[in-house]
Amino acid sequence: MKKKENNILWWKSGLALFSRVSSWIIGPIFFAVFLGRFLDKRYDIEPWIFLSIVGFAIVIAFFGIFRETKREMKKNNRNTKDKL
């Protein structure tokens, strides 16, 4: 019975990792686009604030993705050692 459950849910951890990594891409950049456009219109210095905030969001997204993949690699290494 346990083998059947493992075969059915083998994709669950991959989907969870995909959603976490995607949120690190979408979240900061989505927020930065709207904030940058708002501040550029408010201070009338287009596109400098927009570009700097989006650039900073890309850096944040990169480090978030790096952190998530590093965490997942540690988890997979622990699981591999446990199976040996």
PDB file of N, CA and C in Angstrom:
ATOM      1  N   MET A   1       0.816  -1.196   0.000  1.00  0.00           N
ATOM      2  CA  MET A   1       0.000   0.000   0.000  1.00  0.00           C
ATOM      3  C   MET A   1       0.861   1.262   0.000  1.00  0.00           C
ATOM      4  N   LYS A   2       1.971   1.242   0.786  1.00  0.00           N
ATOM      5  CA  LYS A   2       2.834   2.414   0.865  1.00  0.00           C
ATOM      6  C   LYS A   2       3.508   2.686  -0.476  1.00  0.00           C
ATOM      7  N   LYS A   3       3.897   1.635  -1.192  1.00  0.00           N
ATOM      8  CA  LYS A   3       4.532   1.820  -2.494  1.00  0.00           C
ATOM      9  C   LYS A   3       3.559   2.479  -3.466  1.00  0.00           C
ATOM     10  N   LYS A   4       2.304   2.096  -3.404  1.00  0.00           N
ATOM     11  CA  LYS A   4       1.305   2.693  -4.282  1.00  0.00           C
ATOM     12  C   LYS A   4       1.131   4.180  -3.982  1.00  0.00           C
ATOM     13  N   GLU A   5       1.135   4.560  -2.689  1.00  0.00           N
ATOM     14  CA  GLU A   5       1.022   5.968  -2.310  1.00  0.00           C
ATOM     15  C   GLU A   5       2.220   6.764  -2.805  1.00  0.00           C
ATOM     16  N   ASN A   6       3.411   6.204  -2.723  1.00  0.00           N
ATOM     17  CA  ASN A   6       4.610   6.888  -3.201  1.00  0.00           C
ATOM     18  C   ASN A   6       4.565   7.078  -4.709  1.00  0.00           C
ATOM     19  N   ASN A   7       4.050   6.104  -5.437  1.00  0.00           N
ATOM     20  CA  ASN A   7       3.958   6.233  -6.886  1.00  0.00           C
ATOM     21  C   ASN A   7       2.937   7.285  -7.300  1.00  0.00           C
ATOM     22  N   ILE A   8       1.870   7.415  -6.544  1.00  0.00           N
ATOM     23  CA  ILE A   8       0.837   8.389  -6.875  1.00  0.00           C
ATOM     24  C   ILE A   8       1.315   9.808  -6.575  1.00  0.00           C
ATOM     25  N   LEU A   9       2.025  10.027  -5.502  1.00  0.00           N
ATOM     26  CA  LEU A   9       2.386  11.372  -5.054  1.00  0.00           C
ATOM     27  C   LEU A   9       3.849  11.730  -5.348  1.00  0.00           C
ATOM     28  N   TRP A  10       4.473  11.103  -6.306  1.00  0.00           N
ATOM     29  CA  TRP A  10       5.879  11.382  -6.602  1.00  0.00           C
ATOM     30  C   TRP A  10       6.093  12.793  -7.115  1.00  0.00           C
ATOM     31  N   TRP A  11       5.089  13.414  -7.695  1.00  0.00           N
ATOM     32  CA  TRP A  11       5.200  14.728  -8.301  1.00  0.00           C
ATOM     33  C   TRP A  11       4.945  15.867  -7.330  1.00  0.00           C
ATOM     34  N   LYS A  12       4.472  15.554  -6.124  1.00  0.00           N
ATOM     35  CA  LYS A  12       4.060  16.589  -5.181  1.00  0.00           C
ATOM     36  C   LYS A  12       5.217  17.490  -4.744  1.00  0.00           C
ATOM     37  N   SER A  13       6.363  16.930  -4.434  1.00  0.00           N
ATOM     38  CA  SER A  13       7.495  17.755  -3.986  1.00  0.00           C
ATOM     39  C   SER A  13       8.032  18.617  -5.120  1.00  0.00           C
ATOM     40  N   GLY A  14       8.018  18.112  -6.331  1.00  0.00           N
ATOM     41  CA  GLY A  14       8.460  18.907  -7.481  1.00  0.00           C
ATOM     42  C   GLY A  14       7.542  20.074  -7.752  1.00  0.00           C
ATOM     43  N   LEU A  15       6.250  19.855  -7.616  1.00  0.00           N
ATOM     44  CA  LEU A  15       5.287  20.931  -7.808  1.00  0.00           C
ATOM     45  C   LEU A  15       5.407  21.990  -6.715  1.00  0.00           C
ATOM     46  N   ALA A  16       5.677  21.564  -5.497  1.00  0.00           N
ATOM     47  CA  ALA A  16       5.864  22.517  -4.395  1.00  0.00           C
ATOM     48  C   ALA A  16       7.104  23.366  -4.626  1.00  0.00           C
ATOM     49  N   LEU A  17       8.183  22.754  -5.074  1.00  0.00           N
ATOM     50  CA  LEU A  17       9.404  23.504  -5.379  1.00  0.00           C
ATOM     51  C   LEU A  17       9.174  24.477  -6.524  1.00  0.00           C
ATOM     52  N   PHE A  18       8.468  24.043  -7.546  1.00  0.00           N
ATOM     53  CA  PHE A  18       8.153  24.914  -8.681  1.00  0.00           C
ATOM     54  C   PHE A  18       7.349  26.128  -8.235  1.00  0.00           C
ATOM     55  N   SER A  19       6.379  25.929  -7.367  1.00  0.00           N
ATOM     56  CA  SER A  19       5.554  27.054  -6.922  1.00  0.00           C
ATOM     57  C   SER A  19       6.347  28.016  -6.044  1.00  0.00           C
ATOM     58  N   ARG A  20       7.248  27.503  -5.202  1.00  0.00           N
ATOM     59  CA  ARG A  20       8.067  28.389  -4.375  1.00  0.00           C
ATOM     60  C   ARG A  20       9.031  29.213  -5.229  1.00  0.00           C
ATOM     61  N   VAL A  21       9.662  28.580  -6.200  1.00  0.00           N
ATOM     62  CA  VAL A  21      10.602  29.294  -7.069  1.00  0.00           C
ATOM     63  C   VAL A  21       9.848  30.303  -7.939  1.00  0.00           C
ATOM     64  N   SER A  22       8.703  29.918  -8.451  1.00  0.00           N
ATOM     65  CA  SER A  22       7.906  30.842  -9.265  1.00  0.00           C
ATOM     66  C   SER A  22       7.455  32.051  -8.470  1.00  0.00           C
ATOM     67  N   SER A  23       7.113  31.838  -7.214  1.00  0.00           N
ATOM     68  CA  SER A  23       6.694  32.977  -6.390  1.00  0.00           C
ATOM     69  C   SER A  23       7.847  33.937  -6.147  1.00  0.00           C
ATOM     70  N   TRP A  24       9.074  33.420  -6.103  1.00  0.00           N
ATOM     71  CA  TRP A  24      10.233  34.309  -5.966  1.00  0.00           C
ATOM     72  C   TRP A  24      10.482  35.107  -7.243  1.00  0.00           C
ATOM     73  N   ILE A  25      10.059  34.612  -8.353  1.00  0.00           N
ATOM     74  CA  ILE A  25      10.204  35.361  -9.603  1.00  0.00           C
ATOM     75  C   ILE A  25       9.069  36.366  -9.743  1.00  0.00           C
ATOM     76  N   ILE A  26       7.849  35.912  -9.567  1.00  0.00           N
ATOM     77  CA  ILE A  26       6.679  36.745  -9.819  1.00  0.00           C
ATOM     78  C   ILE A  26       6.495  37.818  -8.751  1.00  0.00           C
ATOM     79  N   GLY A  27       6.620  37.464  -7.492  1.00  0.00           N
ATOM     80  CA  GLY A  27       6.321  38.377  -6.394  1.00  0.00           C
ATOM     81  C   GLY A  27       7.112  39.676  -6.416  1.00  0.00           C
ATOM     82  N   PRO A  28       8.435  39.610  -6.275  1.00  0.00           N
ATOM     83  CA  PRO A  28       9.198  40.859  -6.230  1.00  0.00           C
ATOM     84  C   PRO A  28       9.116  41.679  -7.513  1.00  0.00           C
ATOM     85  N   ILE A  29       9.119  41.036  -8.652  1.00  0.00           N
ATOM     86  CA  ILE A  29       9.099  41.777  -9.909  1.00  0.00           C
ATOM     87  C   ILE A  29       7.725  42.412 -10.135  1.00  0.00           C
ATOM     88  N   PHE A  30       6.662  41.710  -9.823  1.00  0.00           N
ATOM     89  CA  PHE A  30       5.312  42.255  -9.950  1.00  0.00           C
ATOM     90  C   PHE A  30       5.153  43.488  -9.063  1.00  0.00           C
ATOM     91  N   PHE A  31       5.595  43.385  -7.822  1.00  0.00           N
ATOM     92  CA  PHE A  31       5.523  44.501  -6.892  1.00  0.00           C
ATOM     93  C   PHE A  31       6.380  45.675  -7.372  1.00  0.00           C
ATOM     94  N   ALA A  32       7.578  45.383  -7.867  1.00  0.00           N
ATOM     95  CA  ALA A  32       8.496  46.433  -8.308  1.00  0.00           C
ATOM     96  C   ALA A  32       7.974  47.178  -9.532  1.00  0.00           C
ATOM     97  N   VAL A  33       7.332  46.473 -10.432  1.00  0.00           N
ATOM     98  CA  VAL A  33       6.804  47.131 -11.637  1.00  0.00           C
ATOM     99  C   VAL A  33       5.762  48.179 -11.250  1.00  0.00           C
ATOM    100  N   PHE A  34       4.831  47.802 -10.386  1.00  0.00           N
ATOM    101  CA  PHE A  34       3.794  48.756 -10.003  1.00  0.00           C
ATOM    102  C   PHE A  34       4.340  49.885  -9.137  1.00  0.00           C
ATOM    103  N   LEU A  35       5.229  49.566  -8.205  1.00  0.00           N
ATOM    104  CA  LEU A  35       5.815  50.601  -7.365  1.00  0.00           C
ATOM    105  C   LEU A  35       6.680  51.551  -8.191  1.00  0.00           C
ATOM    106  N   GLY A  36       7.471  50.998  -9.102  1.00  0.00           N
ATOM    107  CA  GLY A  36       8.323  51.831  -9.946  1.00  0.00           C
ATOM    108  C   GLY A  36       7.531  52.754 -10.851  1.00  0.00           C
ATOM    109  N   ARG A  37       6.479  52.248 -11.448  1.00  0.00           N
ATOM    110  CA  ARG A  37       5.633  53.092 -12.307  1.00  0.00           C
ATOM    111  C   ARG A  37       4.961  54.197 -11.505  1.00  0.00           C
ATOM    112  N   PHE A  38       4.474  53.849 -10.304  1.00  0.00           N
ATOM    113  CA  PHE A  38       3.822  54.842  -9.462  1.00  0.00           C
ATOM    114  C   PHE A  38       4.796  55.951  -9.058  1.00  0.00           C
ATOM    115  N   LEU A  39       5.995  55.568  -8.609  1.00  0.00           N
ATOM    116  CA  LEU A  39       6.958  56.581  -8.170  1.00  0.00           C
ATOM    117  C   LEU A  39       7.479  57.422  -9.336  1.00  0.00           C
ATOM    118  N   ASP A  40       7.649  56.811 -10.498  1.00  0.00           N
ATOM    119  CA  ASP A  40       8.080  57.581 -11.668  1.00  0.00           C
ATOM    120  C   ASP A  40       7.048  58.637 -12.054  1.00  0.00           C
ATOM    121  N   LYS A  41       5.791  58.265 -12.020  1.00  0.00           N
ATOM    122  CA  LYS A  41       4.746  59.243 -12.353  1.00  0.00           C
ATOM    123  C   LYS A  41       4.631  60.321 -11.275  1.00  0.00           C
ATOM    124  N   ARG A  42       4.798  59.919 -10.051  1.00  0.00           N
ATOM    125  CA  ARG A  42       4.669  60.880  -8.952  1.00  0.00           C
ATOM    126  C   ARG A  42       5.782  61.921  -8.975  1.00  0.00           C
ATOM    127  N   TYR A  43       7.019  61.475  -9.196  1.00  0.00           N
ATOM    128  CA  TYR A  43       8.157  62.389  -9.172  1.00  0.00           C
ATOM    129  C   TYR A  43       8.583  62.849 -10.562  1.00  0.00           C
ATOM    130  N   ASP A  44       7.935  62.368 -11.592  1.00  0.00           N
ATOM    131  CA  ASP A  44       8.153  62.785 -12.978  1.00  0.00           C
ATOM    132  C   ASP A  44       9.614  62.660 -13.417  1.00  0.00           C
ATOM    133  N   ILE A  45      10.216  61.510 -13.116  1.00  0.00           N
ATOM    134  CA  ILE A  45      11.590  61.256 -13.569  1.00  0.00           C
ATOM    135  C   ILE A  45      11.685  59.880 -14.232  1.00  0.00           C
ATOM    136  N   GLU A  46      10.760  59.646 -15.133  1.00  0.00           N
ATOM    137  CA  GLU A  46      10.731  58.348 -15.813  1.00  0.00           C
ATOM    138  C   GLU A  46      12.006  58.122 -16.579  1.00  0.00           C
ATOM    139  N   PRO A  47      12.520  56.993 -16.706  1.00  0.00           N
ATOM    140  CA  PRO A  47      12.258  55.663 -16.156  1.00  0.00           C
ATOM    141  C   PRO A  47      13.224  55.280 -15.048  1.00  0.00           C
ATOM    142  N   TRP A  48      13.894  56.231 -14.422  1.00  0.00           N
ATOM    143  CA  TRP A  48      15.015  55.900 -13.543  1.00  0.00           C
ATOM    144  C   TRP A  48      14.608  55.165 -12.272  1.00  0.00           C
ATOM    145  N   ILE A  49      13.583  55.603 -11.596  1.00  0.00           N
ATOM    146  CA  ILE A  49      13.149  54.896 -10.391  1.00  0.00           C
ATOM    147  C   ILE A  49      12.630  53.511 -10.767  1.00  0.00           C
ATOM    148  N   PHE A  50      11.869  53.440 -11.841  1.00  0.00           N
ATOM    149  CA  PHE A  50      11.331  52.159 -12.313  1.00  0.00           C
ATOM    150  C   PHE A  50      12.452  51.158 -12.578  1.00  0.00           C
ATOM    151  N   LEU A  51      13.459  51.596 -13.323  1.00  0.00           N
ATOM    152  CA  LEU A  51      14.554  50.684 -13.666  1.00  0.00           C
ATOM    153  C   LEU A  51      15.348  50.258 -12.440  1.00  0.00           C
ATOM    154  N   SER A  52      15.588  51.180 -11.523  1.00  0.00           N
ATOM    155  CA  SER A  52      16.364  50.814 -10.341  1.00  0.00           C
ATOM    156  C   SER A  52      15.591  49.865  -9.430  1.00  0.00           C
ATOM    157  N   ILE A  53      14.289  50.088  -9.271  1.00  0.00           N
ATOM    158  CA  ILE A  53      13.494  49.201  -8.416  1.00  0.00           C
ATOM    159  C   ILE A  53      13.347  47.819  -9.057  1.00  0.00           C
ATOM    160  N   VAL A  54      13.141  47.762 -10.354  1.00  0.00           N
ATOM    161  CA  VAL A  54      13.041  46.464 -11.030  1.00  0.00           C
ATOM    162  C   VAL A  54      14.385  45.725 -10.968  1.00  0.00           C
ATOM    163  N   GLY A  55      15.477  46.447 -11.134  1.00  0.00           N
ATOM    164  CA  GLY A  55      16.798  45.816 -11.001  1.00  0.00           C
ATOM    165  C   GLY A  55      17.018  45.247  -9.615  1.00  0.00           C
ATOM    166  N   PHE A  56      16.625  45.997  -8.597  1.00  0.00           N
ATOM    167  CA  PHE A  56      16.740  45.514  -7.219  1.00  0.00           C
ATOM    168  C   PHE A  56      15.846  44.294  -6.993  1.00  0.00           C
ATOM    169  N   ALA A  57      14.662  44.295  -7.588  1.00  0.00           N
ATOM    170  CA  ALA A  57      13.745  43.155  -7.460  1.00  0.00           C
ATOM    171  C   ALA A  57      14.322  41.909  -8.122  1.00  0.00           C
ATOM    172  N   ILE A  58      15.024  42.089  -9.226  1.00  0.00           N
ATOM    173  CA  ILE A  58      15.656  40.943  -9.886  1.00  0.00           C
ATOM    174  C   ILE A  58      16.739  40.350  -8.995  1.00  0.00           C
ATOM    175  N   VAL A  59      17.496  41.206  -8.319  1.00  0.00           N
ATOM    176  CA  VAL A  59      18.525  40.724  -7.388  1.00  0.00           C
ATOM    177  C   VAL A  59      17.866  39.969  -6.230  1.00  0.00           C
ATOM    178  N   ILE A  60      16.799  40.507  -5.686  1.00  0.00           N
ATOM    179  CA  ILE A  60      16.071  39.828  -4.602  1.00  0.00           C
ATOM    180  C   ILE A  60      15.542  38.478  -5.081  1.00  0.00           C
ATOM    181  N   ALA A  61      14.982  38.445  -6.285  1.00  0.00           N
ATOM    182  CA  ALA A  61      14.456  37.192  -6.837  1.00  0.00           C
ATOM    183  C   ALA A  61      15.570  36.173  -7.016  1.00  0.00           C
ATOM    184  N   PHE A  62      16.736  36.617  -7.479  1.00  0.00           N
ATOM    185  CA  PHE A  62      17.868  35.706  -7.658  1.00  0.00           C
ATOM    186  C   PHE A  62      18.278  35.076  -6.333  1.00  0.00           C
ATOM    187  N   PHE A  63      18.407  35.889  -5.293  1.00  0.00           N
ATOM    188  CA  PHE A  63      18.812  35.348  -3.998  1.00  0.00           C
ATOM    189  C   PHE A  63      17.731  34.464  -3.389  1.00  0.00           C
ATOM    190  N   GLY A  64      16.479  34.782  -3.604  1.00  0.00           N
ATOM    191  CA  GLY A  64      15.400  33.925  -3.115  1.00  0.00           C
ATOM    192  C   GLY A  64      15.396  32.568  -3.798  1.00  0.00           C
ATOM    193  N   ILE A  65      15.605  32.564  -5.108  1.00  0.00           N
ATOM    194  CA  ILE A  65      15.666  31.303  -5.853  1.00  0.00           C
ATOM    195  C   ILE A  65      16.874  30.497  -5.409  1.00  0.00           C
ATOM    196  N   PHE A  66      17.994  31.171  -5.215  1.00  0.00           N
ATOM    197  CA  PHE A  66      19.206  30.494  -4.758  1.00  0.00           C
ATOM    198  C   PHE A  66      18.981  29.849  -3.395  1.00  0.00           C
ATOM    199  N   ARG A  67      18.321  30.579  -2.486  1.00  0.00           N
ATOM    200  CA  ARG A  67      18.049  30.049  -1.153  1.00  0.00           C
ATOM    201  C   ARG A  67      17.131  28.834  -1.208  1.00  0.00           C
ATOM    202  N   GLU A  68      16.100  28.904  -2.037  1.00  0.00           N
ATOM    203  CA  GLU A  68      15.160  27.782  -2.152  1.00  0.00           C
ATOM    204  C   GLU A  68      15.843  26.542  -2.733  1.00  0.00           C
ATOM    205  N   THR A  69      16.647  26.731  -3.769  1.00  0.00           N
ATOM    206  CA  THR A  69      17.312  25.570  -4.374  1.00  0.00           C
ATOM    207  C   THR A  69      18.348  24.985  -3.428  1.00  0.00           C
ATOM    208  N   LYS A  70      19.041  25.842  -2.685  1.00  0.00           N
ATOM    209  CA  LYS A  70      20.026  25.343  -1.716  1.00  0.00           C
ATOM    210  C   LYS A  70      19.333  24.536  -0.621  1.00  0.00           C
ATOM    211  N   ARG A  71      18.196  25.039  -0.137  1.00  0.00           N
ATOM    212  CA  ARG A  71      17.424  24.325   0.887  1.00  0.00           C
ATOM    213  C   ARG A  71      16.946  22.966   0.355  1.00  0.00           C
ATOM    214  N   GLU A  72      16.478  22.952  -0.882  1.00  0.00           N
ATOM    215  CA  GLU A  72      15.987  21.705  -1.471  1.00  0.00           C
ATOM    216  C   GLU A  72      17.125  20.711  -1.684  1.00  0.00           C
ATOM    217  N   MET A  73      18.291  21.198  -2.076  1.00  0.00           N
ATOM    218  CA  MET A  73      19.441  20.304  -2.259  1.00  0.00           C
ATOM    219  C   MET A  73      19.867  19.680  -0.939  1.00  0.00           C
ATOM    220  N   LYS A  74      19.852  20.457   0.151  1.00  0.00           N
ATOM    221  CA  LYS A  74      20.190  19.904   1.463  1.00  0.00           C
ATOM    222  C   LYS A  74      19.180  18.833   1.870  1.00  0.00           C
ATOM    223  N   LYS A  75      17.904  19.105   1.603  1.00  0.00           N
ATOM    224  CA  LYS A  75      16.853  18.143   1.933  1.00  0.00           C
ATOM    225  C   LYS A  75      17.036  16.853   1.139  1.00  0.00           C
ATOM    226  N   ASN A  76      17.354  16.967  -0.142  1.00  0.00           N
ATOM    227  CA  ASN A  76      17.563  15.785  -0.970  1.00  0.00           C
ATOM    228  C   ASN A  76      18.803  15.013  -0.539  1.00  0.00           C
ATOM    229  N   ASN A  77      19.857  15.722  -0.134  1.00  0.00           N
ATOM    230  CA  ASN A  77      21.055  15.036   0.346  1.00  0.00           C
ATOM    231  C   ASN A  77      20.773  14.263   1.625  1.00  0.00           C
ATOM    232  N   ARG A  78      19.983  14.852   2.528  1.00  0.00           N
ATOM    233  CA  ARG A  78      19.608  14.146   3.761  1.00  0.00           C
ATOM    234  C   ARG A  78      18.790  12.895   3.442  1.00  0.00           C
ATOM    235  N   ASN A  79      17.841  13.014   2.501  1.00  0.00           N
ATOM    236  CA  ASN A  79      17.011  11.870   2.123  1.00  0.00           C
ATOM    237  C   ASN A  79      17.849  10.770   1.483  1.00  0.00           C
ATOM    238  N   THR A  80      18.841  11.159   0.689  1.00  0.00           N
ATOM    239  CA  THR A  80      19.704  10.178   0.035  1.00  0.00           C
ATOM    240  C   THR A  80      20.553   9.447   1.057  1.00  0.00           C
ATOM    241  N   LYS A  81      21.076  10.177   2.052  1.00  0.00           N
ATOM    242  CA  LYS A  81      21.892   9.550   3.093  1.00  0.00           C
ATOM    243  C   LYS A  81      21.059   8.608   3.946  1.00  0.00           C
ATOM    244  N   ASP A  82      19.812   8.980   4.204  1.00  0.00           N
ATOM    245  CA  ASP A  82      18.929   8.121   4.996  1.00  0.00           C
ATOM    246  C   ASP A  82      18.620   6.810   4.282  1.00  0.00           C
ATOM    247  N   LYS A  83      18.552   6.859   2.950  1.00  0.00           N
ATOM    248  CA  LYS A  83      18.235   5.643   2.189  1.00  0.00           C
ATOM    249  C   LYS A  83      19.415   4.684   2.117  1.00  0.00           C
ATOM    250  N   LEU A  84      20.624   5.204   2.278  1.00  0.00           N
ATOM    251  CA  LEU A  84      21.819   4.348   2.228  1.00  0.00           C
ATOM    252  C   LEU A  84      21.969   3.638   3.503  1.00  0.00           C
TER     253      LEU A  84
END
